[in-house]
Amino acid sequence: MIAVIDYGVGNLFSLRSSLRHLGLEAAVTADPAAIRAADRVILPGVGAFGDAMGKLSAAGLVPVIREAAAQKPLLGICLGMQLLFDRSFEYGVHEGLGLVPGQVCPLAPDLADPALKVPQIGWNALHILRDDPLFRYIREGECVYYVHSYYAKDCAASTLAVSDYSIPVTGVVRAGRVYGTQFHPEKSGGTGLRILRAFAEL
């Protein structure tokens, strides 16, 4: 069973629908016991980093997520991926879960082409830097769907794939059993579904 963590910050309907489409058993839950009992965990997220960390802390889920990350595959999606890092500089400085080394920084100041719009919204090719079981059903250059204004930096050792937005934008990371995708697999058509399928088989 896959536990999709519900902490009030995320588009859970699309993700749950995608998992059901794949025939996977999934529960949207904030219950620590259900998260501990799950075979795999997904941490979704949409919104601001500081607010999301505050909600995770208020719900008592921070230690539960850290415990799960040490024992089973965990996937952070979009803001959920960003929460995996050490800290974020979104509207101040906020400490993250510390599961993936690195930090989350504003995208706009780093763009080589200042004419590009931020947030980055839309489809972009995924360039695989390191082979991984998460990519077993996709090929180099398949497109995925992004919506974000901040991105992960200083995480080269954990980066599995990037997308070009005048700079290499961190697309997929891994640290041990912990994975993160900056893009939304549940909004990335067949490519995203195949990534979720691979995650369910880890």
N, C-alpha and C. Protein backbone atom coordinates (compact mmCIF):
# COMPACT_ATOMS: atom_id res chain seq x y z
N MET A 1 0.84 -1.20 0.00
CA MET A 1 0.00 0.00 0.00
C MET A 1 0.87 1.25 0.00
N ILE A 2 0.44 2.27 -0.75
CA ILE A 2 1.14 3.56 -0.80
C ILE A 2 0.37 4.56 0.05
N ALA A 3 1.04 5.18 1.00
CA ALA A 3 0.43 6.23 1.80
C ALA A 3 0.75 7.58 1.17
N VAL A 4 -0.28 8.32 0.80
CA VAL A 4 -0.13 9.68 0.29
C VAL A 4 -0.42 10.61 1.46
N ILE A 5 0.59 11.35 1.89
CA ILE A 5 0.45 12.15 3.10
C ILE A 5 -0.43 13.37 2.85
N ASP A 6 -1.46 13.49 3.66
CA ASP A 6 -2.41 14.60 3.58
C ASP A 6 -2.15 15.55 4.74
N TYR A 7 -1.59 16.72 4.41
CA TYR A 7 -1.36 17.71 5.45
C TYR A 7 -1.90 19.08 5.03
N GLY A 8 -2.87 19.05 4.12
CA GLY A 8 -3.56 20.27 3.73
C GLY A 8 -2.84 21.08 2.68
N VAL A 9 -1.80 20.52 2.06
CA VAL A 9 -1.03 21.26 1.05
C VAL A 9 -0.75 20.33 -0.12
N GLY A 10 -1.67 20.22 -1.06
CA GLY A 10 -1.39 19.36 -2.19
C GLY A 10 -2.64 19.05 -3.00
N ASN A 11 -2.41 18.79 -4.28
CA ASN A 11 -3.49 18.40 -5.18
C ASN A 11 -3.61 16.88 -5.11
N LEU A 12 -4.32 16.41 -4.09
CA LEU A 12 -4.35 14.98 -3.82
C LEU A 12 -5.23 14.21 -4.79
N PHE A 13 -6.25 14.87 -5.35
CA PHE A 13 -7.20 14.17 -6.21
C PHE A 13 -6.50 13.61 -7.45
N SER A 14 -5.69 14.43 -8.13
CA SER A 14 -5.00 13.99 -9.34
C SER A 14 -4.04 12.85 -9.05
N LEU A 15 -3.33 12.96 -7.94
CA LEU A 15 -2.36 11.93 -7.59
C LEU A 15 -3.07 10.62 -7.25
N ARG A 16 -4.10 10.69 -6.45
CA ARG A 16 -4.85 9.48 -6.10
C ARG A 16 -5.46 8.84 -7.35
N SER A 17 -5.97 9.67 -8.25
CA SER A 17 -6.55 9.15 -9.49
C SER A 17 -5.51 8.45 -10.35
N SER A 18 -4.31 9.02 -10.41
CA SER A 18 -3.23 8.40 -11.19
C SER A 18 -2.84 7.05 -10.61
N LEU A 19 -2.73 6.96 -9.30
CA LEU A 19 -2.36 5.70 -8.67
C LEU A 19 -3.44 4.65 -8.88
N ARG A 20 -4.70 5.07 -8.78
CA ARG A 20 -5.80 4.13 -9.02
C ARG A 20 -5.82 3.67 -10.47
N HIS A 21 -5.51 4.58 -11.39
CA HIS A 21 -5.45 4.22 -12.81
C HIS A 21 -4.42 3.11 -13.04
N LEU A 22 -3.36 3.13 -12.27
CA LEU A 22 -2.31 2.12 -12.39
C LEU A 22 -2.66 0.84 -11.64
N GLY A 23 -3.81 0.83 -10.97
CA GLY A 23 -4.22 -0.34 -10.22
C GLY A 23 -3.50 -0.50 -8.90
N LEU A 24 -2.98 0.61 -8.36
CA LEU A 24 -2.21 0.57 -7.13
C LEU A 24 -3.09 0.90 -5.93
N GLU A 25 -2.87 0.21 -4.84
CA GLU A 25 -3.59 0.49 -3.61
C GLU A 25 -2.96 1.71 -2.94
N ALA A 26 -3.76 2.72 -2.70
CA ALA A 26 -3.23 3.96 -2.12
C ALA A 26 -4.24 4.52 -1.13
N ALA A 27 -3.73 5.12 -0.07
CA ALA A 27 -4.57 5.76 0.93
C ALA A 27 -4.06 7.17 1.17
N VAL A 28 -4.95 8.14 1.09
CA VAL A 28 -4.63 9.52 1.44
C VAL A 28 -4.84 9.66 2.94
N THR A 29 -3.78 9.96 3.67
CA THR A 29 -3.87 9.88 5.12
C THR A 29 -2.93 10.83 5.83
N ALA A 30 -3.32 11.22 7.04
CA ALA A 30 -2.44 11.95 7.95
C ALA A 30 -2.20 11.14 9.21
N ASP A 31 -2.62 9.88 9.19
CA ASP A 31 -2.51 9.01 10.35
C ASP A 31 -1.11 8.40 10.43
N PRO A 32 -0.35 8.72 11.47
CA PRO A 32 1.01 8.17 11.58
C PRO A 32 1.05 6.65 11.51
N ALA A 33 0.05 5.99 12.09
CA ALA A 33 0.04 4.52 12.06
C ALA A 33 -0.10 4.00 10.64
N ALA A 34 -0.95 4.65 9.83
CA ALA A 34 -1.13 4.23 8.44
C ALA A 34 0.13 4.48 7.62
N ILE A 35 0.80 5.58 7.89
CA ILE A 35 2.05 5.90 7.18
C ILE A 35 3.12 4.88 7.54
N ARG A 36 3.20 4.53 8.82
CA ARG A 36 4.19 3.54 9.25
C ARG A 36 3.90 2.16 8.67
N ALA A 37 2.63 1.84 8.47
CA ALA A 37 2.26 0.52 7.97
C ALA A 37 2.39 0.40 6.45
N ALA A 38 2.50 1.53 5.75
CA ALA A 38 2.54 1.52 4.29
C ALA A 38 3.86 0.94 3.78
N ASP A 39 3.81 0.41 2.55
CA ASP A 39 5.02 -0.09 1.90
C ASP A 39 5.86 1.04 1.31
N ARG A 40 5.16 2.08 0.87
CA ARG A 40 5.81 3.25 0.26
C ARG A 40 5.04 4.49 0.67
N VAL A 41 5.72 5.64 0.59
CA VAL A 41 5.11 6.90 1.02
C VAL A 41 5.34 7.96 -0.05
N ILE A 42 4.30 8.75 -0.32
CA ILE A 42 4.42 9.90 -1.21
C ILE A 42 4.09 11.16 -0.44
N LEU A 43 4.97 12.15 -0.54
CA LEU A 43 4.78 13.46 0.08
C LEU A 43 4.51 14.48 -1.02
N PRO A 44 3.24 14.82 -1.26
CA PRO A 44 2.92 15.82 -2.29
C PRO A 44 3.06 17.23 -1.71
N GLY A 45 2.75 18.22 -2.50
CA GLY A 45 2.78 19.58 -1.97
C GLY A 45 2.64 20.64 -3.03
N VAL A 46 1.83 21.64 -2.72
CA VAL A 46 1.66 22.82 -3.56
C VAL A 46 1.57 24.02 -2.62
N GLY A 47 2.32 25.08 -2.91
CA GLY A 47 2.26 26.26 -2.04
C GLY A 47 3.63 26.69 -1.57
N ALA A 48 3.67 27.29 -0.39
CA ALA A 48 4.90 27.88 0.15
C ALA A 48 5.58 26.92 1.13
N PHE A 49 6.90 26.91 1.08
CA PHE A 49 7.73 25.99 1.86
C PHE A 49 7.48 26.16 3.37
N GLY A 50 7.58 27.39 3.86
CA GLY A 50 7.44 27.62 5.30
C GLY A 50 6.09 27.19 5.83
N ASP A 51 5.05 27.50 5.09
CA ASP A 51 3.69 27.11 5.50
C ASP A 51 3.56 25.59 5.53
N ALA A 52 4.11 24.92 4.53
CA ALA A 52 4.03 23.47 4.47
C ALA A 52 4.78 22.81 5.63
N MET A 53 5.98 23.29 5.92
CA MET A 53 6.73 22.72 7.05
C MET A 53 5.99 22.96 8.35
N GLY A 54 5.36 24.14 8.48
CA GLY A 54 4.58 24.43 9.68
C GLY A 54 3.43 23.45 9.86
N LYS A 55 2.77 23.12 8.76
CA LYS A 55 1.64 22.19 8.83
C LYS A 55 2.11 20.77 9.15
N LEU A 56 3.23 20.37 8.56
CA LEU A 56 3.78 19.05 8.89
C LEU A 56 4.14 18.96 10.37
N SER A 57 4.75 20.01 10.87
CA SER A 57 5.15 20.04 12.29
C SER A 57 3.93 20.02 13.20
N ALA A 58 2.92 20.83 12.86
CA ALA A 58 1.72 20.91 13.68
C ALA A 58 0.99 19.57 13.73
N ALA A 59 1.07 18.82 12.63
CA ALA A 59 0.40 17.52 12.58
C ALA A 59 1.24 16.41 13.19
N GLY A 60 2.44 16.72 13.64
CA GLY A 60 3.31 15.72 14.23
C GLY A 60 3.90 14.74 13.23
N LEU A 61 3.98 15.17 11.95
CA LEU A 61 4.38 14.25 10.90
C LEU A 61 5.87 14.29 10.55
N VAL A 62 6.59 15.28 11.04
CA VAL A 62 8.01 15.38 10.68
C VAL A 62 8.79 14.14 11.13
N PRO A 63 8.70 13.72 12.40
CA PRO A 63 9.43 12.51 12.79
C PRO A 63 8.92 11.25 12.09
N VAL A 64 7.63 11.21 11.76
CA VAL A 64 7.06 10.06 11.07
C VAL A 64 7.65 9.94 9.67
N ILE A 65 7.79 11.07 8.97
CA ILE A 65 8.36 11.07 7.62
C ILE A 65 9.83 10.67 7.67
N ARG A 66 10.57 11.20 8.64
CA ARG A 66 11.98 10.85 8.75
C ARG A 66 12.15 9.36 9.06
N GLU A 67 11.29 8.83 9.88
CA GLU A 67 11.33 7.40 10.20
C GLU A 67 11.02 6.57 8.95
N ALA A 68 10.00 6.98 8.22
CA ALA A 68 9.64 6.25 7.00
C ALA A 68 10.77 6.27 5.98
N ALA A 69 11.43 7.41 5.85
CA ALA A 69 12.50 7.56 4.86
C ALA A 69 13.66 6.61 5.12
N ALA A 70 13.83 6.21 6.36
CA ALA A 70 14.92 5.30 6.70
C ALA A 70 14.56 3.85 6.45
N GLN A 71 13.27 3.58 6.17
CA GLN A 71 12.81 2.20 6.11
C GLN A 71 12.19 1.77 4.80
N LYS A 72 11.71 2.73 3.98
CA LYS A 72 10.94 2.36 2.79
C LYS A 72 11.07 3.46 1.74
N PRO A 73 10.74 3.16 0.48
CA PRO A 73 10.81 4.19 -0.56
C PRO A 73 9.85 5.34 -0.26
N LEU A 74 10.35 6.55 -0.41
CA LEU A 74 9.57 7.77 -0.20
C LEU A 74 9.78 8.69 -1.38
N LEU A 75 8.69 9.25 -1.90
CA LEU A 75 8.75 10.14 -3.06
C LEU A 75 8.13 11.49 -2.71
N GLY A 76 8.92 12.56 -2.83
CA GLY A 76 8.40 13.91 -2.69
C GLY A 76 8.11 14.49 -4.06
N ILE A 77 6.96 15.14 -4.21
CA ILE A 77 6.54 15.69 -5.49
C ILE A 77 6.38 17.20 -5.39
N CYS A 78 7.04 17.93 -6.29
CA CYS A 78 6.99 19.40 -6.38
C CYS A 78 7.41 20.02 -5.04
N LEU A 79 6.53 20.72 -4.35
CA LEU A 79 6.90 21.26 -3.04
C LEU A 79 7.30 20.13 -2.10
N GLY A 80 6.67 18.97 -2.26
CA GLY A 80 7.06 17.82 -1.44
C GLY A 80 8.51 17.43 -1.64
N MET A 81 9.02 17.55 -2.87
CA MET A 81 10.44 17.33 -3.11
C MET A 81 11.28 18.39 -2.41
N GLN A 82 10.87 19.64 -2.51
CA GLN A 82 11.64 20.73 -1.91
C GLN A 82 11.75 20.57 -0.39
N LEU A 83 10.69 20.06 0.22
CA LEU A 83 10.69 19.86 1.67
C LEU A 83 11.73 18.84 2.12
N LEU A 84 12.18 17.99 1.20
CA LEU A 84 13.17 16.97 1.54
C LEU A 84 14.54 17.57 1.83
N PHE A 85 14.79 18.79 1.36
CA PHE A 85 16.12 19.40 1.45
C PHE A 85 16.39 20.02 2.82
N ASP A 86 17.62 20.50 2.98
CA ASP A 86 18.03 21.06 4.27
C ASP A 86 17.28 22.34 4.61
N ARG A 87 17.11 23.21 3.60
CA ARG A 87 16.48 24.50 3.89
C ARG A 87 15.97 25.13 2.60
N SER A 88 15.12 26.13 2.78
CA SER A 88 14.60 26.90 1.64
C SER A 88 14.72 28.38 1.94
N PHE A 89 14.91 29.16 0.87
CA PHE A 89 14.98 30.62 0.97
C PHE A 89 13.74 31.27 0.38
N GLU A 90 12.60 30.61 0.53
CA GLU A 90 11.34 31.14 0.04
C GLU A 90 10.69 31.98 1.14
N TYR A 91 10.65 33.29 0.95
CA TYR A 91 10.07 34.21 1.94
C TYR A 91 10.74 34.03 3.30
N GLY A 92 12.06 34.15 3.31
CA GLY A 92 12.82 33.95 4.53
C GLY A 92 13.64 32.67 4.44
N VAL A 93 14.16 32.24 5.56
CA VAL A 93 14.94 30.99 5.61
C VAL A 93 14.17 30.00 6.47
N HIS A 94 13.93 28.82 5.91
CA HIS A 94 13.14 27.80 6.61
C HIS A 94 13.89 26.47 6.56
N GLU A 95 13.95 25.78 7.68
CA GLU A 95 14.58 24.48 7.73
C GLU A 95 13.65 23.43 7.15
N GLY A 96 14.23 22.50 6.38
CA GLY A 96 13.46 21.42 5.78
C GLY A 96 13.62 20.12 6.54
N LEU A 97 13.28 19.03 5.89
CA LEU A 97 13.34 17.71 6.53
C LEU A 97 14.76 17.18 6.64
N GLY A 98 15.68 17.71 5.83
CA GLY A 98 17.08 17.30 5.90
C GLY A 98 17.34 15.89 5.42
N LEU A 99 16.53 15.41 4.48
CA LEU A 99 16.70 14.05 3.96
C LEU A 99 17.55 14.00 2.70
N VAL A 100 17.67 15.15 2.01
CA VAL A 100 18.51 15.27 0.82
C VAL A 100 19.39 16.50 1.00
N PRO A 101 20.70 16.38 0.91
CA PRO A 101 21.57 17.55 1.08
C PRO A 101 21.33 18.58 -0.02
N GLY A 102 21.26 19.85 0.37
CA GLY A 102 21.06 20.91 -0.60
C GLY A 102 20.08 21.94 -0.09
N GLN A 103 19.79 22.93 -0.93
CA GLN A 103 18.90 24.01 -0.53
C GLN A 103 18.01 24.41 -1.69
N VAL A 104 16.91 25.06 -1.36
CA VAL A 104 15.91 25.47 -2.34
C VAL A 104 15.96 26.98 -2.47
N CYS A 105 16.19 27.47 -3.70
CA CYS A 105 16.46 28.88 -3.94
C CYS A 105 15.54 29.42 -5.05
N PRO A 106 15.40 30.75 -5.13
CA PRO A 106 14.58 31.35 -6.19
C PRO A 106 15.16 31.04 -7.56
N LEU A 107 14.28 30.73 -8.48
CA LEU A 107 14.71 30.40 -9.84
C LEU A 107 15.10 31.64 -10.63
N ALA A 108 14.33 32.70 -10.51
CA ALA A 108 14.50 33.88 -11.38
C ALA A 108 15.91 34.46 -11.39
N PRO A 109 16.56 34.70 -10.24
CA PRO A 109 17.89 35.32 -10.28
C PRO A 109 18.96 34.49 -10.97
N ASP A 110 18.75 33.19 -11.08
CA ASP A 110 19.77 32.30 -11.64
C ASP A 110 19.60 32.03 -13.12
N LEU A 111 18.47 32.44 -13.72
CA LEU A 111 18.23 32.14 -15.12
C LEU A 111 19.23 32.85 -16.02
N ALA A 112 19.77 32.12 -16.99
CA ALA A 112 20.68 32.72 -17.97
C ALA A 112 19.92 33.61 -18.95
N ASP A 113 18.65 33.33 -19.14
CA ASP A 113 17.80 34.13 -20.02
C ASP A 113 16.74 34.82 -19.17
N PRO A 114 16.94 36.10 -18.81
CA PRO A 114 15.99 36.79 -17.94
C PRO A 114 14.62 37.02 -18.57
N ALA A 115 14.51 36.75 -19.87
CA ALA A 115 13.21 36.90 -20.53
C ALA A 115 12.27 35.73 -20.25
N LEU A 116 12.83 34.64 -19.74
CA LEU A 116 11.98 33.49 -19.42
C LEU A 116 11.07 33.81 -18.24
N LYS A 117 9.87 33.28 -18.29
CA LYS A 117 8.89 33.58 -17.25
C LYS A 117 9.10 32.72 -16.01
N VAL A 118 8.83 33.32 -14.87
CA VAL A 118 8.81 32.61 -13.60
C VAL A 118 7.47 32.94 -12.94
N PRO A 119 6.71 31.94 -12.51
CA PRO A 119 7.08 30.53 -12.42
C PRO A 119 7.25 29.86 -13.78
N GLN A 120 8.10 28.84 -13.78
CA GLN A 120 8.21 27.97 -14.95
C GLN A 120 6.97 27.08 -14.97
N ILE A 121 6.17 27.23 -15.99
CA ILE A 121 4.94 26.45 -16.11
C ILE A 121 4.92 25.79 -17.49
N GLY A 122 4.81 24.48 -17.50
CA GLY A 122 4.68 23.79 -18.78
C GLY A 122 5.54 22.55 -18.88
N TRP A 123 5.56 22.02 -20.11
CA TRP A 123 6.26 20.77 -20.40
C TRP A 123 7.72 21.02 -20.72
N ASN A 124 8.57 20.11 -20.26
CA ASN A 124 10.00 20.24 -20.51
C ASN A 124 10.60 18.83 -20.57
N ALA A 125 11.61 18.68 -21.44
CA ALA A 125 12.26 17.38 -21.58
C ALA A 125 13.09 17.05 -20.34
N LEU A 126 13.06 15.79 -19.97
CA LEU A 126 13.82 15.31 -18.82
C LEU A 126 15.10 14.66 -19.32
N HIS A 127 16.23 15.17 -18.85
CA HIS A 127 17.54 14.66 -19.26
C HIS A 127 18.12 13.83 -18.11
N ILE A 128 18.30 12.56 -18.36
CA ILE A 128 18.73 11.62 -17.33
C ILE A 128 20.24 11.67 -17.19
N LEU A 129 20.71 11.98 -16.00
CA LEU A 129 22.14 12.05 -15.72
C LEU A 129 22.69 10.74 -15.18
N ARG A 130 21.88 10.03 -14.42
CA ARG A 130 22.28 8.75 -13.84
C ARG A 130 21.13 7.77 -13.99
N ASP A 131 21.46 6.57 -14.43
CA ASP A 131 20.43 5.55 -14.56
C ASP A 131 19.94 5.16 -13.17
N ASP A 132 18.66 4.82 -13.10
CA ASP A 132 18.06 4.48 -11.81
C ASP A 132 16.81 3.65 -12.08
N PRO A 133 16.43 2.77 -11.16
CA PRO A 133 15.20 2.01 -11.34
C PRO A 133 13.95 2.88 -11.53
N LEU A 134 13.98 4.10 -11.05
CA LEU A 134 12.83 5.00 -11.23
C LEU A 134 12.59 5.29 -12.71
N PHE A 135 13.61 5.15 -13.53
CA PHE A 135 13.51 5.47 -14.97
C PHE A 135 13.33 4.22 -15.84
N ARG A 136 13.00 3.10 -15.25
CA ARG A 136 13.00 1.84 -16.01
C ARG A 136 11.98 1.85 -17.14
N TYR A 137 10.93 2.66 -17.02
CA TYR A 137 9.89 2.65 -18.05
C TYR A 137 9.87 3.92 -18.90
N ILE A 138 10.88 4.78 -18.78
CA ILE A 138 10.92 5.99 -19.60
C ILE A 138 12.25 6.08 -20.33
N ARG A 139 12.29 6.97 -21.33
CA ARG A 139 13.49 7.17 -22.13
C ARG A 139 14.01 8.60 -21.94
N GLU A 140 15.25 8.79 -22.25
CA GLU A 140 15.87 10.12 -22.26
C GLU A 140 15.04 11.06 -23.13
N GLY A 141 14.78 12.26 -22.61
CA GLY A 141 14.13 13.30 -23.39
C GLY A 141 12.61 13.31 -23.34
N GLU A 142 12.00 12.37 -22.62
CA GLU A 142 10.54 12.43 -22.48
C GLU A 142 10.16 13.68 -21.67
N CYS A 143 8.98 14.21 -21.96
CA CYS A 143 8.58 15.49 -21.36
C CYS A 143 7.71 15.30 -20.12
N VAL A 144 7.92 16.19 -19.16
CA VAL A 144 7.17 16.18 -17.91
C VAL A 144 6.70 17.61 -17.61
N TYR A 145 5.76 17.74 -16.69
CA TYR A 145 5.07 19.01 -16.47
C TYR A 145 5.52 19.68 -15.17
N TYR A 146 6.03 20.91 -15.31
CA TYR A 146 6.53 21.69 -14.18
C TYR A 146 5.61 22.87 -13.86
N VAL A 147 5.54 23.20 -12.58
CA VAL A 147 4.95 24.46 -12.12
C VAL A 147 5.72 24.85 -10.86
N HIS A 148 6.68 25.79 -11.00
CA HIS A 148 7.48 26.15 -9.81
C HIS A 148 8.23 27.46 -10.03
N SER A 149 8.54 28.12 -8.91
CA SER A 149 9.32 29.36 -8.91
C SER A 149 10.64 29.21 -8.15
N TYR A 150 10.79 28.11 -7.44
CA TYR A 150 12.01 27.81 -6.68
C TYR A 150 12.53 26.46 -7.14
N TYR A 151 13.84 26.26 -6.97
CA TYR A 151 14.41 24.99 -7.41
C TYR A 151 15.55 24.57 -6.50
N ALA A 152 15.91 23.30 -6.55
CA ALA A 152 16.94 22.75 -5.67
C ALA A 152 18.33 23.02 -6.24
N LYS A 153 19.23 23.46 -5.35
CA LYS A 153 20.62 23.75 -5.71
C LYS A 153 21.57 23.02 -4.76
N ASP A 154 22.84 23.01 -5.15
CA ASP A 154 23.90 22.43 -4.32
C ASP A 154 23.59 20.97 -3.97
N CYS A 155 23.09 20.25 -4.97
CA CYS A 155 22.67 18.87 -4.73
C CYS A 155 23.12 17.95 -5.87
N ALA A 156 24.26 18.27 -6.47
CA ALA A 156 24.72 17.51 -7.64
C ALA A 156 24.88 16.03 -7.33
N ALA A 157 25.34 15.69 -6.14
CA ALA A 157 25.57 14.28 -5.81
C ALA A 157 24.29 13.47 -5.76
N SER A 158 23.17 14.15 -5.54
CA SER A 158 21.87 13.47 -5.43
C SER A 158 21.02 13.60 -6.69
N THR A 159 21.47 14.39 -7.67
CA THR A 159 20.63 14.69 -8.84
C THR A 159 20.69 13.57 -9.87
N LEU A 160 19.52 13.03 -10.20
CA LEU A 160 19.42 11.97 -11.20
C LEU A 160 19.04 12.49 -12.57
N ALA A 161 18.31 13.62 -12.64
CA ALA A 161 17.85 14.15 -13.92
C ALA A 161 17.59 15.63 -13.79
N VAL A 162 17.73 16.34 -14.93
CA VAL A 162 17.49 17.78 -14.97
C VAL A 162 16.65 18.11 -16.20
N SER A 163 16.12 19.33 -16.21
CA SER A 163 15.48 19.88 -17.40
C SER A 163 16.08 21.25 -17.67
N ASP A 164 16.16 21.61 -18.94
CA ASP A 164 16.79 22.87 -19.30
C ASP A 164 15.78 24.01 -19.31
N TYR A 165 16.09 25.06 -18.55
CA TYR A 165 15.29 26.28 -18.57
C TYR A 165 16.26 27.46 -18.57
N SER A 166 17.14 27.43 -19.53
CA SER A 166 18.32 28.29 -19.70
C SER A 166 19.43 27.93 -18.71
N ILE A 167 19.08 27.21 -17.68
CA ILE A 167 20.02 26.56 -16.76
C ILE A 167 19.49 25.15 -16.51
N PRO A 168 20.35 24.25 -16.03
CA PRO A 168 19.83 22.93 -15.67
C PRO A 168 19.00 23.03 -14.38
N VAL A 169 17.73 22.77 -14.48
CA VAL A 169 16.84 22.77 -13.32
C VAL A 169 16.75 21.36 -12.77
N THR A 170 17.00 21.22 -11.49
CA THR A 170 16.95 19.91 -10.85
C THR A 170 15.57 19.30 -11.00
N GLY A 171 15.50 18.14 -11.68
CA GLY A 171 14.21 17.51 -11.95
C GLY A 171 13.91 16.32 -11.07
N VAL A 172 14.95 15.48 -10.83
CA VAL A 172 14.78 14.28 -10.00
C VAL A 172 16.00 14.14 -9.10
N VAL A 173 15.75 13.84 -7.83
CA VAL A 173 16.85 13.60 -6.89
C VAL A 173 16.63 12.28 -6.17
N ARG A 174 17.72 11.75 -5.65
CA ARG A 174 17.65 10.55 -4.83
C ARG A 174 18.73 10.59 -3.76
N ALA A 175 18.36 10.22 -2.54
CA ALA A 175 19.31 10.01 -1.45
C ALA A 175 18.86 8.76 -0.71
N GLY A 176 19.51 7.65 -0.96
CA GLY A 176 19.09 6.39 -0.36
C GLY A 176 17.74 5.95 -0.90
N ARG A 177 16.78 5.75 0.00
CA ARG A 177 15.43 5.36 -0.39
C ARG A 177 14.55 6.56 -0.74
N VAL A 178 15.09 7.75 -0.56
CA VAL A 178 14.31 8.98 -0.73
C VAL A 178 14.47 9.53 -2.14
N TYR A 179 13.34 9.73 -2.82
CA TYR A 179 13.31 10.30 -4.16
C TYR A 179 12.51 11.60 -4.14
N GLY A 180 12.80 12.46 -5.11
CA GLY A 180 11.99 13.67 -5.29
C GLY A 180 11.90 14.03 -6.76
N THR A 181 10.73 14.50 -7.18
CA THR A 181 10.56 15.04 -8.53
C THR A 181 10.04 16.46 -8.42
N GLN A 182 10.73 17.40 -9.06
CA GLN A 182 10.25 18.78 -9.05
C GLN A 182 8.99 18.91 -9.90
N PHE A 183 8.90 18.13 -10.95
CA PHE A 183 7.71 18.13 -11.80
C PHE A 183 6.61 17.29 -11.16
N HIS A 184 5.43 17.35 -11.75
CA HIS A 184 4.27 16.60 -11.27
C HIS A 184 4.08 15.34 -12.11
N PRO A 185 4.45 14.15 -11.62
CA PRO A 185 4.19 12.94 -12.40
C PRO A 185 2.70 12.75 -12.70
N GLU A 186 1.85 13.13 -11.75
CA GLU A 186 0.41 12.92 -11.91
C GLU A 186 -0.19 13.85 -12.96
N LYS A 187 0.58 14.83 -13.43
CA LYS A 187 0.11 15.73 -14.48
C LYS A 187 0.96 15.60 -15.75
N SER A 188 1.79 14.57 -15.79
CA SER A 188 2.76 14.40 -16.89
C SER A 188 2.39 13.27 -17.84
N GLY A 189 1.10 13.00 -17.98
CA GLY A 189 0.64 12.02 -18.96
C GLY A 189 1.23 10.64 -18.74
N GLY A 190 1.45 9.94 -19.85
CA GLY A 190 1.96 8.58 -19.79
C GLY A 190 3.34 8.49 -19.16
N THR A 191 4.18 9.48 -19.41
CA THR A 191 5.52 9.48 -18.81
C THR A 191 5.44 9.50 -17.29
N GLY A 192 4.61 10.38 -16.77
CA GLY A 192 4.45 10.46 -15.32
C GLY A 192 3.88 9.20 -14.72
N LEU A 193 2.92 8.60 -15.40
CA LEU A 193 2.34 7.36 -14.91
C LEU A 193 3.39 6.25 -14.86
N ARG A 194 4.26 6.21 -15.85
CA ARG A 194 5.30 5.18 -15.86
C ARG A 194 6.33 5.40 -14.73
N ILE A 195 6.57 6.66 -14.40
CA ILE A 195 7.45 6.94 -13.27
C ILE A 195 6.80 6.49 -11.96
N LEU A 196 5.52 6.77 -11.78
CA LEU A 196 4.82 6.33 -10.60
C LEU A 196 4.78 4.80 -10.52
N ARG A 197 4.60 4.16 -11.67
CA ARG A 197 4.61 2.69 -11.70
C ARG A 197 5.96 2.16 -11.24
N ALA A 198 7.05 2.76 -11.73
CA ALA A 198 8.38 2.33 -11.33
C ALA A 198 8.60 2.55 -9.83
N PHE A 199 8.11 3.67 -9.30
CA PHE A 199 8.23 3.93 -7.87
C PHE A 199 7.52 2.85 -7.06
N ALA A 200 6.34 2.44 -7.54
CA ALA A 200 5.57 1.42 -6.83
C ALA A 200 6.24 0.07 -6.86
N GLU A 201 7.22 -0.12 -7.74
CA GLU A 201 7.93 -1.40 -7.85
C GLU A 201 9.29 -1.37 -7.17
N LEU A 202 9.68 -0.25 -6.62
CA LEU A 202 10.99 -0.18 -5.95
C LEU A 202 11.03 -1.11 -4.75
